[in-house]
All heavy atoms as atom14 arrays in JSON, in Angstrom:
{
  "sequence": "LLLVSADFMASQYCAGIEMKRALERQDSGSARVVPILI",
  "atom14_mask": [
    [1, 1, 1, 1, 1, 1, 1, 1, 0, 0, 0, 0, 0, 0],
    [1, 1, 1, 1, 1, 1, 1, 1, 0, 0, 0, 0, 0, 0],
    [1, 1, 1, 1, 1, 1, 1, 1, 0, 0, 0, 0, 0, 0],
    [1, 1, 1, 1, 1, 1, 1, 0, 0, 0, 0, 0, 0, 0],
    [1, 1, 1, 1, 1, 1, 0, 0, 0, 0, 0, 0, 0, 0],
    [1, 1, 1, 1, 1, 0, 0, 0, 0, 0, 0, 0, 0, 0],
    [1, 1, 1, 1, 1, 1, 1, 1, 0, 0, 0, 0, 0, 0],
    [1, 1, 1, 1, 1, 1, 1, 1, 1, 1, 1, 0, 0, 0],
    [1, 1, 1, 1, 1, 1, 1, 1, 0, 0, 0, 0, 0, 0],
    [1, 1, 1, 1, 1, 0, 0, 0, 0, 0, 0, 0, 0, 0],
    [1, 1, 1, 1, 1, 1, 0, 0, 0, 0, 0, 0, 0, 0],
    [1, 1, 1, 1, 1, 1, 1, 1, 1, 0, 0, 0, 0, 0],
    [1, 1, 1, 1, 1, 1, 1, 1, 1, 1, 1, 1, 0, 0],
    [1, 1, 1, 1, 1, 1, 0, 0, 0, 0, 0, 0, 0, 0],
    [1, 1, 1, 1, 1, 0, 0, 0, 0, 0, 0, 0, 0, 0],
    [1, 1, 1, 1, 0, 0, 0, 0, 0, 0, 0, 0, 0, 0],
    [1, 1, 1, 1, 1, 1, 1, 1, 0, 0, 0, 0, 0, 0],
    [1, 1, 1, 1, 1, 1, 1, 1, 1, 0, 0, 0, 0, 0],
    [1, 1, 1, 1, 1, 1, 1, 1, 0, 0, 0, 0, 0, 0],
    [1, 1, 1, 1, 1, 1, 1, 1, 1, 0, 0, 0, 0, 0],
    [1, 1, 1, 1, 1, 1, 1, 1, 1, 1, 1, 0, 0, 0],
    [1, 1, 1, 1, 1, 0, 0, 0, 0, 0, 0, 0, 0, 0],
    [1, 1, 1, 1, 1, 1, 1, 1, 0, 0, 0, 0, 0, 0],
    [1, 1, 1, 1, 1, 1, 1, 1, 1, 0, 0, 0, 0, 0],
    [1, 1, 1, 1, 1, 1, 1, 1, 1, 1, 1, 0, 0, 0],
    [1, 1, 1, 1, 1, 1, 1, 1, 1, 0, 0, 0, 0, 0],
    [1, 1, 1, 1, 1, 1, 1, 1, 0, 0, 0, 0, 0, 0],
    [1, 1, 1, 1, 1, 1, 0, 0, 0, 0, 0, 0, 0, 0],
    [1, 1, 1, 1, 0, 0, 0, 0, 0, 0, 0, 0, 0, 0],
    [1, 1, 1, 1, 1, 1, 0, 0, 0, 0, 0, 0, 0, 0],
    [1, 1, 1, 1, 1, 0, 0, 0, 0, 0, 0, 0, 0, 0],
    [1, 1, 1, 1, 1, 1, 1, 1, 1, 1, 1, 0, 0, 0],
    [1, 1, 1, 1, 1, 1, 1, 0, 0, 0, 0, 0, 0, 0],
    [1, 1, 1, 1, 1, 1, 1, 0, 0, 0, 0, 0, 0, 0],
    [1, 1, 1, 1, 1, 1, 1, 0, 0, 0, 0, 0, 0, 0],
    [1, 1, 1, 1, 1, 1, 1, 1, 0, 0, 0, 0, 0, 0],
    [1, 1, 1, 1, 1, 1, 1, 1, 0, 0, 0, 0, 0, 0],
    [1, 1, 1, 1, 1, 1, 1, 1, 0, 0, 0, 0, 0, 0]
  ],
  "atom14_positions": [
    [[3.62, 7.16, 3.8], [3.55, 8.16, 4.85], [2.91, 7.53, 6.07], [1.8, 7.01, 5.98], [2.73, 9.37, 4.39], [3.17, 10.03, 3.09], [2.2, 11.15, 2.71], [4.59, 10.55, 3.2], [0.0, 0.0, 0.0], [0.0, 0.0, 0.0], [0.0, 0.0, 0.0], [0.0, 0.0, 0.0], [0.0, 0.0, 0.0], [0.0, 0.0, 0.0]],
    [[3.6, 7.56, 7.2], [3.06, 7.05, 8.46], [2.65, 8.26, 9.29], [3.52, 9.03, 9.72], [4.11, 6.24, 9.22], [4.8, 5.09, 8.48], [5.85, 4.45, 9.39], [3.78, 4.06, 8.01], [0.0, 0.0, 0.0], [0.0, 0.0, 0.0], [0.0, 0.0, 0.0], [0.0, 0.0, 0.0], [0.0, 0.0, 0.0], [0.0, 0.0, 0.0]],
    [[1.36, 8.45, 9.52], [0.88, 9.55, 10.35], [0.85, 9.05, 11.79], [-0.1, 8.38, 12.2], [-0.49, 10.04, 9.88], [-0.45, 11.07, 8.75], [0.25, 10.54, 7.52], [-1.81, 11.57, 8.42], [0.0, 0.0, 0.0], [0.0, 0.0, 0.0], [0.0, 0.0, 0.0], [0.0, 0.0, 0.0], [0.0, 0.0, 0.0], [0.0, 0.0, 0.0]],
    [[1.9, 9.36, 12.52], [2.16, 8.74, 13.81], [1.49, 9.47, 14.97], [1.6, 10.69, 15.11], [3.68, 8.65, 14.06], [3.98, 7.99, 15.39], [4.37, 7.89, 12.91], [0.0, 0.0, 0.0], [0.0, 0.0, 0.0], [0.0, 0.0, 0.0], [0.0, 0.0, 0.0], [0.0, 0.0, 0.0], [0.0, 0.0, 0.0], [0.0, 0.0, 0.0]],
    [[0.82, 8.69, 15.78], [0.17, 9.14, 17.01], [0.07, 7.92, 17.92], [0.38, 6.8, 17.49], [-1.23, 9.69, 16.71], [-2.1, 8.64, 16.3], [0.0, 0.0, 0.0], [0.0, 0.0, 0.0], [0.0, 0.0, 0.0], [0.0, 0.0, 0.0], [0.0, 0.0, 0.0], [0.0, 0.0, 0.0], [0.0, 0.0, 0.0], [0.0, 0.0, 0.0]],
    [[-0.39, 8.11, 19.13], [-0.6, 6.97, 20.02], [-1.63, 6.01, 19.42], [-1.5, 4.8, 19.53], [-1.03, 7.44, 21.4], [0.0, 0.0, 0.0], [0.0, 0.0, 0.0], [0.0, 0.0, 0.0], [0.0, 0.0, 0.0], [0.0, 0.0, 0.0], [0.0, 0.0, 0.0], [0.0, 0.0, 0.0], [0.0, 0.0, 0.0], [0.0, 0.0, 0.0]],
    [[-2.66, 6.58, 18.78], [-3.68, 5.72, 18.16], [-3.1, 4.91, 17.0], [-3.45, 3.75, 16.81], [-4.86, 6.57, 17.68], [-5.7, 7.07, 18.83], [-6.33, 6.25, 19.52], [-5.7, 8.29, 19.08], [0.0, 0.0, 0.0], [0.0, 0.0, 0.0], [0.0, 0.0, 0.0], [0.0, 0.0, 0.0], [0.0, 0.0, 0.0], [0.0, 0.0, 0.0]],
    [[-2.21, 5.51, 16.24], [-1.53, 4.8, 15.15], [-0.73, 3.64, 15.74], [-0.81, 2.51, 15.26], [-0.62, 5.76, 14.38], [0.21, 5.09, 13.32], [-0.28, 4.95, 12.04], [1.47, 4.6, 13.6], [0.48, 4.32, 11.05], [2.24, 3.97, 12.63], [1.74, 3.83, 11.35], [0.0, 0.0, 0.0], [0.0, 0.0, 0.0], [0.0, 0.0, 0.0]],
    [[0.06, 3.93, 16.77], [0.9, 2.9, 17.37], [0.07, 1.79, 18.02], [0.5, 0.64, 18.08], [1.86, 3.52, 18.39], [2.84, 4.51, 17.79], [3.86, 3.84, 16.44], [4.88, 2.67, 17.33], [0.0, 0.0, 0.0], [0.0, 0.0, 0.0], [0.0, 0.0, 0.0], [0.0, 0.0, 0.0], [0.0, 0.0, 0.0], [0.0, 0.0, 0.0]],
    [[-1.12, 2.13, 18.52], [-1.99, 1.15, 19.17], [-2.79, 0.32, 18.17], [-3.34, -0.72, 18.53], [-2.95, 1.85, 20.13], [0.0, 0.0, 0.0], [0.0, 0.0, 0.0], [0.0, 0.0, 0.0], [0.0, 0.0, 0.0], [0.0, 0.0, 0.0], [0.0, 0.0, 0.0], [0.0, 0.0, 0.0], [0.0, 0.0, 0.0], [0.0, 0.0, 0.0]],
    [[-2.86, 0.76, 16.93], [-3.64, 0.06, 15.92], [-2.89, -1.16, 15.41], [-1.8, -1.03, 14.84], [-3.93, 1.0, 14.74], [-4.41, 0.27, 13.63], [0.0, 0.0, 0.0], [0.0, 0.0, 0.0], [0.0, 0.0, 0.0], [0.0, 0.0, 0.0], [0.0, 0.0, 0.0], [0.0, 0.0, 0.0], [0.0, 0.0, 0.0], [0.0, 0.0, 0.0]],
    [[-3.48, -2.31, 15.59], [-2.86, -3.54, 15.1], [-2.71, -3.49, 13.58], [-1.72, -3.96, 13.05], [-3.68, -4.77, 15.51], [-3.14, -6.09, 15.0], [-1.66, -6.34, 15.33], [-1.18, -6.0, 16.39], [-0.95, -6.94, 14.4], [0.0, 0.0, 0.0], [0.0, 0.0, 0.0], [0.0, 0.0, 0.0], [0.0, 0.0, 0.0], [0.0, 0.0, 0.0]],
    [[-3.66, -2.89, 12.9], [-3.58, -2.85, 11.44], [-2.52, -1.86, 10.98], [-1.68, -2.18, 10.13], [-4.94, -2.53, 10.79], [-5.0, -3.1, 9.41], [-5.39, -4.42, 9.2], [-4.62, -2.35, 8.31], [-5.4, -4.97, 7.94], [-4.63, -2.9, 7.04], [-5.02, -4.21, 6.85], [-5.02, -4.76, 5.6], [0.0, 0.0, 0.0], [0.0, 0.0, 0.0]],
    [[-2.53, -0.65, 11.54], [-1.54, 0.37, 11.13], [-0.13, -0.06, 11.49], [0.75, -0.12, 10.63], [-1.84, 1.72, 11.79], [-3.33, 2.51, 11.19], [0.0, 0.0, 0.0], [0.0, 0.0, 0.0], [0.0, 0.0, 0.0], [0.0, 0.0, 0.0], [0.0, 0.0, 0.0], [0.0, 0.0, 0.0], [0.0, 0.0, 0.0], [0.0, 0.0, 0.0]],
    [[0.1, -0.33, 12.75], [1.45, -0.64, 13.23], [1.85, -2.09, 12.94], [3.0, -2.35, 12.6], [1.56, -0.35, 14.72], [0.0, 0.0, 0.0], [0.0, 0.0, 0.0], [0.0, 0.0, 0.0], [0.0, 0.0, 0.0], [0.0, 0.0, 0.0], [0.0, 0.0, 0.0], [0.0, 0.0, 0.0], [0.0, 0.0, 0.0], [0.0, 0.0, 0.0]],
    [[0.89, -3.0, 13.06], [1.22, -4.41, 12.92], [1.29, -4.91, 11.5], [2.03, -5.85, 11.2], [0.0, 0.0, 0.0], [0.0, 0.0, 0.0], [0.0, 0.0, 0.0], [0.0, 0.0, 0.0], [0.0, 0.0, 0.0], [0.0, 0.0, 0.0], [0.0, 0.0, 0.0], [0.0, 0.0, 0.0], [0.0, 0.0, 0.0], [0.0, 0.0, 0.0]],
    [[0.55, -4.29, 10.61], [0.51, -4.77, 9.22], [1.1, -3.74, 8.26], [2.09, -4.0, 7.58], [-0.92, -5.16, 8.82], [-1.38, -6.36, 9.68], [-1.02, -5.5, 7.33], [-2.83, -6.75, 9.52], [0.0, 0.0, 0.0], [0.0, 0.0, 0.0], [0.0, 0.0, 0.0], [0.0, 0.0, 0.0], [0.0, 0.0, 0.0], [0.0, 0.0, 0.0]],
    [[0.48, -2.55, 8.19], [0.92, -1.55, 7.21], [2.34, -1.06, 7.48], [3.18, -1.04, 6.57], [-0.05, -0.36, 7.19], [-1.41, -0.72, 6.64], [-2.41, 0.42, 6.7], [-2.11, 1.49, 7.29], [-3.52, 0.24, 6.16], [0.0, 0.0, 0.0], [0.0, 0.0, 0.0], [0.0, 0.0, 0.0], [0.0, 0.0, 0.0], [0.0, 0.0, 0.0]],
    [[2.63, -0.66, 8.71], [3.96, -0.16, 9.02], [5.01, -1.26, 8.84], [6.08, -1.01, 8.29], [4.02, 0.39, 10.44], [5.41, 0.89, 10.83], [5.48, 1.56, 12.5], [5.18, 0.11, 13.5], [0.0, 0.0, 0.0], [0.0, 0.0, 0.0], [0.0, 0.0, 0.0], [0.0, 0.0, 0.0], [0.0, 0.0, 0.0], [0.0, 0.0, 0.0]],
    [[4.69, -2.45, 9.3], [5.64, -3.56, 9.17], [6.0, -3.79, 7.7], [7.18, -3.9, 7.35], [5.05, -4.83, 9.79], [5.98, -6.02, 9.71], [5.35, -7.25, 10.31], [6.29, -8.43, 10.13], [5.64, -9.69, 10.38], [0.0, 0.0, 0.0], [0.0, 0.0, 0.0], [0.0, 0.0, 0.0], [0.0, 0.0, 0.0], [0.0, 0.0, 0.0]],
    [[5.0, -3.85, 6.84], [5.26, -4.09, 5.42], [5.99, -2.9, 4.79], [6.89, -3.07, 3.96], [3.95, -4.38, 4.67], [4.16, -4.64, 3.19], [5.06, -5.86, 2.95], [5.39, -5.97, 1.54], [6.61, -6.25, 1.08], [7.61, -6.52, 1.91], [6.83, -6.29, -0.21], [0.0, 0.0, 0.0], [0.0, 0.0, 0.0], [0.0, 0.0, 0.0]],
    [[5.61, -1.69, 5.18], [6.28, -0.48, 4.66], [7.76, -0.51, 5.0], [8.61, -0.21, 4.13], [5.61, 0.76, 5.22], [0.0, 0.0, 0.0], [0.0, 0.0, 0.0], [0.0, 0.0, 0.0], [0.0, 0.0, 0.0], [0.0, 0.0, 0.0], [0.0, 0.0, 0.0], [0.0, 0.0, 0.0], [0.0, 0.0, 0.0], [0.0, 0.0, 0.0]],
    [[8.1, -0.88, 6.22], [9.51, -0.91, 6.62], [10.27, -2.03, 5.9], [11.45, -1.87, 5.56], [9.63, -1.06, 8.13], [9.18, 0.17, 8.92], [9.13, -0.11, 10.41], [10.05, 1.38, 8.61], [0.0, 0.0, 0.0], [0.0, 0.0, 0.0], [0.0, 0.0, 0.0], [0.0, 0.0, 0.0], [0.0, 0.0, 0.0], [0.0, 0.0, 0.0]],
    [[9.61, -3.14, 5.61], [10.23, -4.19, 4.8], [10.54, -3.65, 3.41], [11.63, -3.9, 2.87], [9.31, -5.41, 4.69], [9.15, -6.19, 5.97], [8.06, -7.25, 5.91], [7.31, -7.32, 4.9], [7.93, -8.01, 6.89], [0.0, 0.0, 0.0], [0.0, 0.0, 0.0], [0.0, 0.0, 0.0], [0.0, 0.0, 0.0], [0.0, 0.0, 0.0]],
    [[9.62, -2.9, 2.85], [9.84, -2.33, 1.52], [10.94, -1.27, 1.56], [11.73, -1.17, 0.64], [8.53, -1.74, 0.96], [7.49, -2.85, 0.69], [6.39, -2.42, -0.23], [6.96, -2.01, -1.49], [6.59, -0.91, -2.15], [5.65, -0.12, -1.67], [7.15, -0.6, -3.3], [0.0, 0.0, 0.0], [0.0, 0.0, 0.0], [0.0, 0.0, 0.0]],
    [[11.01, -0.49, 2.64], [12.09, 0.49, 2.81], [13.43, -0.24, 2.84], [14.38, 0.15, 2.15], [11.88, 1.28, 4.1], [13.1, 2.06, 4.59], [13.13, 3.5, 4.15], [12.16, 4.01, 3.63], [14.25, 4.13, 4.37], [0.0, 0.0, 0.0], [0.0, 0.0, 0.0], [0.0, 0.0, 0.0], [0.0, 0.0, 0.0], [0.0, 0.0, 0.0]],
    [[13.51, -1.3, 3.62], [14.76, -2.05, 3.76], [15.2, -2.7, 2.45], [16.39, -2.82, 2.2], [14.64, -3.11, 4.87], [14.52, -2.49, 6.25], [14.86, -1.29, 6.42], [14.08, -3.2, 7.18], [0.0, 0.0, 0.0], [0.0, 0.0, 0.0], [0.0, 0.0, 0.0], [0.0, 0.0, 0.0], [0.0, 0.0, 0.0], [0.0, 0.0, 0.0]],
    [[14.24, -3.09, 1.62], [14.58, -3.7, 0.34], [14.87, -2.66, -0.74], [15.3, -3.0, -1.84], [13.44, -4.62, -0.14], [12.34, -3.84, -0.6], [0.0, 0.0, 0.0], [0.0, 0.0, 0.0], [0.0, 0.0, 0.0], [0.0, 0.0, 0.0], [0.0, 0.0, 0.0], [0.0, 0.0, 0.0], [0.0, 0.0, 0.0], [0.0, 0.0, 0.0]],
    [[14.61, -1.4, -0.42], [14.86, -0.33, -1.39], [13.73, -0.11, -2.39], [13.88, 0.63, -3.35], [0.0, 0.0, 0.0], [0.0, 0.0, 0.0], [0.0, 0.0, 0.0], [0.0, 0.0, 0.0], [0.0, 0.0, 0.0], [0.0, 0.0, 0.0], [0.0, 0.0, 0.0], [0.0, 0.0, 0.0], [0.0, 0.0, 0.0], [0.0, 0.0, 0.0]],
    [[12.58, -0.74, -2.17], [11.48, -0.62, -3.12], [10.49, 0.49, -2.78], [9.57, 0.76, -3.55], [10.74, -1.96, -3.25], [10.14, -2.32, -2.03], [0.0, 0.0, 0.0], [0.0, 0.0, 0.0], [0.0, 0.0, 0.0], [0.0, 0.0, 0.0], [0.0, 0.0, 0.0], [0.0, 0.0, 0.0], [0.0, 0.0, 0.0], [0.0, 0.0, 0.0]],
    [[10.67, 1.13, -1.64], [9.81, 2.25, -1.24], [10.55, 3.1, -0.22], [11.51, 2.64, 0.41], [8.49, 1.76, -0.66], [0.0, 0.0, 0.0], [0.0, 0.0, 0.0], [0.0, 0.0, 0.0], [0.0, 0.0, 0.0], [0.0, 0.0, 0.0], [0.0, 0.0, 0.0], [0.0, 0.0, 0.0], [0.0, 0.0, 0.0], [0.0, 0.0, 0.0]],
    [[10.1, 4.31, -0.05], [10.63, 5.21, 0.99], [9.54, 5.4, 2.03], [8.39, 5.66, 1.68], [10.99, 6.54, 0.36], [11.5, 7.59, 1.33], [12.95, 7.39, 1.73], [13.85, 7.46, 0.61], [14.43, 8.58, 0.18], [14.22, 9.72, 0.8], [15.23, 8.55, -0.85], [0.0, 0.0, 0.0], [0.0, 0.0, 0.0], [0.0, 0.0, 0.0]],
    [[9.87, 5.26, 3.29], [8.93, 5.45, 4.38], [9.25, 6.77, 5.07], [10.4, 7.03, 5.43], [9.0, 4.3, 5.4], [8.08, 4.56, 6.58], [8.65, 2.97, 4.72], [0.0, 0.0, 0.0], [0.0, 0.0, 0.0], [0.0, 0.0, 0.0], [0.0, 0.0, 0.0], [0.0, 0.0, 0.0], [0.0, 0.0, 0.0], [0.0, 0.0, 0.0]],
    [[8.21, 7.61, 5.22], [8.37, 8.91, 5.87], [7.4, 8.98, 7.06], [6.2, 9.14, 6.87], [8.08, 10.07, 4.89], [8.24, 11.41, 5.6], [8.98, 9.99, 3.66], [0.0, 0.0, 0.0], [0.0, 0.0, 0.0], [0.0, 0.0, 0.0], [0.0, 0.0, 0.0], [0.0, 0.0, 0.0], [0.0, 0.0, 0.0], [0.0, 0.0, 0.0]],
    [[7.93, 8.86, 8.28], [7.07, 9.04, 9.45], [6.78, 10.53, 9.65], [7.68, 11.37, 9.54], [7.9, 8.49, 10.61], [9.09, 7.83, 10.0], [9.27, 8.42, 8.65], [0.0, 0.0, 0.0], [0.0, 0.0, 0.0], [0.0, 0.0, 0.0], [0.0, 0.0, 0.0], [0.0, 0.0, 0.0], [0.0, 0.0, 0.0], [0.0, 0.0, 0.0]],
    [[5.53, 10.83, 9.94], [5.09, 12.21, 10.21], [4.47, 12.2, 11.59], [3.44, 11.55, 11.8], [4.09, 12.7, 9.14], [4.73, 12.63, 7.75], [3.61, 14.11, 9.47], [3.74, 12.84, 6.61], [0.0, 0.0, 0.0], [0.0, 0.0, 0.0], [0.0, 0.0, 0.0], [0.0, 0.0, 0.0], [0.0, 0.0, 0.0], [0.0, 0.0, 0.0]],
    [[5.09, 12.9, 12.51], [4.6, 12.93, 13.89], [3.45, 13.93, 13.98], [3.66, 15.13, 13.86], [5.74, 13.33, 14.84], [5.45, 13.24, 16.32], [5.0, 11.84, 16.73], [6.68, 13.67, 17.12], [0.0, 0.0, 0.0], [0.0, 0.0, 0.0], [0.0, 0.0, 0.0], [0.0, 0.0, 0.0], [0.0, 0.0, 0.0], [0.0, 0.0, 0.0]],
    [[2.24, 13.42, 14.16], [1.09, 14.33, 14.18], [0.61, 14.64, 15.59], [0.12, 15.73, 15.84], [-0.07, 13.81, 13.3], [-0.51, 12.43, 13.72], [0.33, 13.85, 11.84], [-1.77, 11.96, 13.03], [0.0, 0.0, 0.0], [0.0, 0.0, 0.0], [0.0, 0.0, 0.0], [0.0, 0.0, 0.0], [0.0, 0.0, 0.0], [0.0, 0.0, 0.0]]
  ]
}
């Protein structure tokens, strides 16, 4: 679950590491990514 806000997008850890890896896992079919616009 990606709890999306400007702060989330500005966070190097959230957007740069966690989101990046989550989307890689989504693309490989090993996880589902659900963005939630907060």
